[in-house]
Protein backbone atom coordinates (compact mmCIF):
# COMPACT_ATOMS: atom_id res chain seq x y z
CA UNK A 1 -12.32 6.89 6.56
CA UNK A 2 -15.96 6.58 5.66
CA UNK A 3 -18.53 5.58 8.23
CA UNK A 4 -21.71 3.98 6.91
CA UNK A 5 -24.15 4.07 9.87
CA UNK A 6 -26.83 2.18 7.92
CA UNK A 7 -24.65 -0.82 7.23
CA UNK A 8 -22.58 -0.30 10.36
CA UNK A 9 -19.25 -0.40 8.52
CA UNK A 10 -16.16 1.73 8.55
CA UNK A 11 -14.25 1.93 5.24
CA UNK A 12 -10.48 2.45 5.16
CA UNK A 13 -8.55 2.79 1.90
CA UNK A 14 -5.00 1.41 1.91
CA UNK A 15 -2.89 1.96 -1.20
CA UNK A 16 0.25 0.00 -2.19
CA UNK A 17 2.54 2.36 -4.12
CA UNK A 18 6.02 1.96 -5.57
CA UNK A 19 8.10 1.40 -8.71
CA UNK A 20 7.23 -1.08 -11.41
CA UNK A 21 7.83 -4.74 -10.54
CA UNK A 22 8.55 -3.98 -6.88
CA UNK A 23 6.06 -6.56 -5.61
CA UNK A 24 2.85 -4.56 -5.01
CA UNK A 25 0.53 -6.98 -6.76
CA UNK A 26 2.37 -10.00 -5.28
CA UNK A 27 1.98 -8.54 -1.76
CA UNK A 28 -1.68 -7.85 -2.23
CA UNK A 29 -2.40 -11.25 -3.67
CA UNK A 30 -0.63 -12.89 -0.75
CA UNK A 31 -2.60 -10.75 1.69
CA UNK A 32 -5.97 -11.62 0.16
CA UNK A 33 -4.95 -15.28 0.08
CA UNK A 34 -3.92 -15.18 3.78
CA UNK A 35 -7.36 -13.91 4.76
CA UNK A 36 -9.06 -16.40 2.33
CA UNK A 37 -10.45 -13.56 0.16
CA UNK A 38 -8.57 -14.30 -3.08
CA UNK A 39 -11.82 -14.33 -5.02
CA UNK A 40 -12.59 -10.80 -3.87
CA UNK A 41 -9.49 -9.27 -5.52
CA UNK A 42 -9.75 -7.67 -8.94
CA UNK A 43 -6.71 -6.92 -11.07
CA UNK A 44 -6.76 -4.79 -14.19
CA UNK A 45 -3.86 -6.14 -16.23
CA UNK A 46 -2.54 -5.85 -19.73
CA UNK A 47 -2.07 -8.87 -22.06
CA UNK A 48 1.28 -9.84 -20.48
CA UNK A 49 -0.02 -9.90 -16.92
CA UNK A 50 1.36 -6.51 -15.80
CA UNK A 51 -0.90 -4.21 -13.78
CA UNK A 52 -2.38 -1.76 -16.16
CA UNK A 53 -4.42 0.47 -13.82
CA UNK A 54 -4.69 -1.11 -10.35
CA UNK A 55 -5.53 -4.07 -8.21
CA UNK A 56 -8.38 -3.59 -5.75
CA UNK A 57 -10.50 -5.51 -3.33
CA UNK A 58 -12.00 -5.40 0.17
CA UNK A 59 -11.28 -7.47 3.23
CA UNK A 60 -13.79 -7.08 6.10
CA UNK A 61 -12.68 -7.21 9.71
CA UNK A 62 -15.17 -7.41 12.59
CA UNK A 63 -14.84 -4.48 14.96
CA UNK A 64 -17.56 -5.45 17.41
CA UNK A 65 -20.67 -7.66 17.43
CA UNK A 66 -22.38 -5.19 15.12
CA UNK A 67 -19.69 -3.07 13.39
CA UNK A 68 -16.99 -4.03 10.92
CA UNK A 69 -14.08 -2.31 9.20
CA UNK A 70 -13.78 -2.79 5.41
CA UNK A 71 -10.16 -2.51 4.35
CA UNK A 72 -10.34 -1.36 0.72
CA UNK A 73 -6.95 -2.30 -0.62
CA UNK A 74 -5.60 -0.83 -3.88
CA UNK A 75 -2.34 -0.82 -5.78
CA UNK A 76 -1.10 1.97 -7.98
CA UNK A 77 0.66 0.79 -11.11
CA UNK A 78 4.40 1.54 -11.16
CA UNK A 79 4.81 1.67 -14.92
CA UNK A 80 5.63 5.19 -16.19
CA UNK A 81 3.19 4.74 -19.11
CA UNK A 82 0.32 4.73 -16.60
CA UNK A 83 1.63 7.50 -14.38
CA UNK A 84 -1.56 9.59 -14.61
CA UNK A 85 -3.59 6.78 -12.98
CA UNK A 86 -1.58 6.83 -9.77
CA UNK A 87 -2.92 10.17 -8.59
CA UNK A 88 -6.48 8.86 -9.10
CA UNK A 89 -5.75 5.71 -7.09
CA UNK A 90 -4.33 7.74 -4.23
CA UNK A 91 -7.43 9.97 -3.87
CA UNK A 92 -9.06 9.29 -0.51
CA UNK A 93 -6.33 7.04 0.78
CA UNK A 94 -6.16 6.56 4.56
CA UNK A 95 -2.73 4.90 4.56
CA UNK A 96 0.07 3.97 2.12
CA UNK A 97 2.43 1.00 1.88
CA UNK A 98 5.45 1.99 -0.21
CA UNK A 99 6.94 -1.09 -1.87
CA UNK A 100 10.65 -0.48 -2.44
CA UNK A 101 12.72 -2.84 -4.55
CA UNK A 102 15.83 -4.18 -2.77
CA UNK A 103 17.84 -4.56 -5.93
CA UNK A 104 20.76 -2.12 -5.81
CA UNK A 105 20.53 -1.15 -9.47
CA UNK A 106 16.95 0.01 -8.88
CA UNK A 107 17.74 2.58 -6.19
CA UNK A 108 17.02 5.48 -8.51
CA UNK A 109 13.67 3.96 -9.63
CA UNK A 110 12.77 3.73 -5.89
CA UNK A 111 13.79 7.36 -5.45
CA UNK A 112 11.72 8.56 -8.44
CA UNK A 113 8.63 6.71 -7.19
CA UNK A 114 9.19 7.90 -3.59
CA UNK A 115 9.52 11.54 -4.75
CA UNK A 116 6.31 11.25 -6.70
CA UNK A 117 4.54 9.84 -3.67
CA UNK A 118 5.95 12.64 -1.42
CA UNK A 119 4.82 15.34 -3.86
CA UNK A 120 1.30 13.91 -3.93
CA UNK A 121 1.23 13.53 -0.16
CA UNK A 122 2.42 17.15 0.27
CA UNK A 123 -0.94 18.21 -1.33
CA UNK A 124 -2.91 16.33 1.36
CA UNK A 125 -4.74 18.43 3.98
CA UNK A 126 -4.31 15.73 6.64
CA UNK A 127 -1.47 13.46 7.76
CA UNK A 128 -1.33 10.21 5.79
CA UNK A 129 0.18 7.19 7.57
CA UNK A 130 3.00 5.56 5.65
CA UNK A 131 5.04 2.41 5.94
CA UNK A 132 7.78 1.03 3.72
CA UNK A 133 8.21 -2.64 2.65
CA UNK A 134 11.87 -3.09 1.57
CA UNK A 135 10.90 -5.96 -0.68
CA UNK A 136 12.82 -8.82 -2.29
CA UNK A 137 15.12 -9.27 0.70
CA UNK A 138 15.84 -12.81 -0.50
CA UNK A 139 17.91 -11.69 -3.50
CA UNK A 140 21.72 -11.72 -3.28
CA UNK A 141 23.11 -8.31 -2.41
CA UNK A 142 19.78 -6.87 -1.24
CA UNK A 143 20.10 -3.32 0.08
CA UNK A 144 19.66 -2.78 3.81
CA UNK A 145 17.28 -0.48 5.62
CA UNK A 146 19.93 2.15 6.37
CA UNK A 147 20.79 2.45 2.69
CA UNK A 148 17.17 2.91 1.52
CA UNK A 149 16.57 5.42 4.30
CA UNK A 150 19.63 7.42 3.32
CA UNK A 151 18.96 7.24 -0.47
CA UNK A 152 15.29 8.21 -0.19
CA UNK A 153 15.76 10.51 2.84
CA UNK A 154 13.14 8.56 4.75
CA UNK A 155 12.29 10.10 8.15
CA UNK A 156 12.93 7.96 11.20
CA UNK A 157 9.24 8.06 12.03
CA UNK A 158 8.41 5.92 8.95
CA UNK A 159 8.82 2.22 9.75
CA UNK A 160 10.60 -0.07 7.30
CA UNK A 161 9.70 -3.76 7.06
CA UNK A 162 12.21 -6.00 5.23
CA UNK A 163 9.86 -8.15 3.19
CA UNK A 164 9.63 -10.99 0.68
CA UNK A 165 6.22 -10.61 -0.91
CA UNK A 166 6.37 -13.85 -2.80
CA UNK A 167 6.55 -15.71 0.58
CA UNK A 168 4.41 -13.28 2.51
CA UNK A 169 7.35 -12.47 4.80
CA UNK A 170 6.54 -9.31 6.85
CA UNK A 171 3.62 -8.38 4.50
CA UNK A 172 1.03 -8.98 7.27
CA UNK A 173 3.17 -7.05 9.75
CA UNK A 174 3.31 -4.01 7.43
CA UNK A 175 -0.41 -4.28 6.70
CA UNK A 176 -1.36 -4.52 10.37
CA UNK A 177 0.81 -1.49 11.11
CA UNK A 178 -0.69 0.69 8.38
CA UNK A 179 -4.23 -0.51 9.17
CA UNK A 180 -3.87 0.48 12.84
CA UNK A 181 -2.18 3.76 11.96
CA UNK A 182 -4.91 4.61 9.47
CA UNK A 183 -7.56 3.89 12.09
CA UNK A 184 -5.86 6.22 14.54
CA UNK A 185 -5.16 9.00 12.01
CA UNK A 186 -8.51 9.09 10.27
CA UNK A 187 -10.16 12.13 11.80
CA UNK A 188 -12.04 13.30 8.72
CA UNK A 189 -15.11 11.17 8.94
CA UNK A 190 -17.69 11.28 6.20
CA UNK A 191 -21.05 9.83 7.30
CA UNK A 192 -23.06 8.02 4.68
CA UNK A 193 -26.84 8.12 5.05
């Protein structure tokens, strides 16, 4: 969390993390559209429309008559080719939304991405709020929450939202959860003069 006393804003960084094609960009685009900030989202993509480095943008939320919270929302690319960029995107995060893919044949890709996130989070000096979106729940044979929890060894304290990013189903719920959790957990405040 960064507090800017001059502009009376609080900045929170929320990162969407997960395997390639799990729905991170789709979820973020839906979120920005829902708040009517689509024009404030930047995506760095390759020539075939896949996220090359990240998506990023800011959605402001009024906190009081004078203060506001700027939710700086980022995605970390899931493609292995761009693995080195994920650590950079996670720097300074106040909360993480892990987008898991509900397709059964991608369980191991979910596990690889989850383990990478857990290794990075283990290096943090402060607790980092985390939520899981079990995405693509509209596909036939989608895995259930219990199976993803068991396969990834997800602690019971981490909430799982069964989502459909293309329809916005449960995306706002997951975002609201991580936003509130990040606000509560951010104890390392860096004033900006």
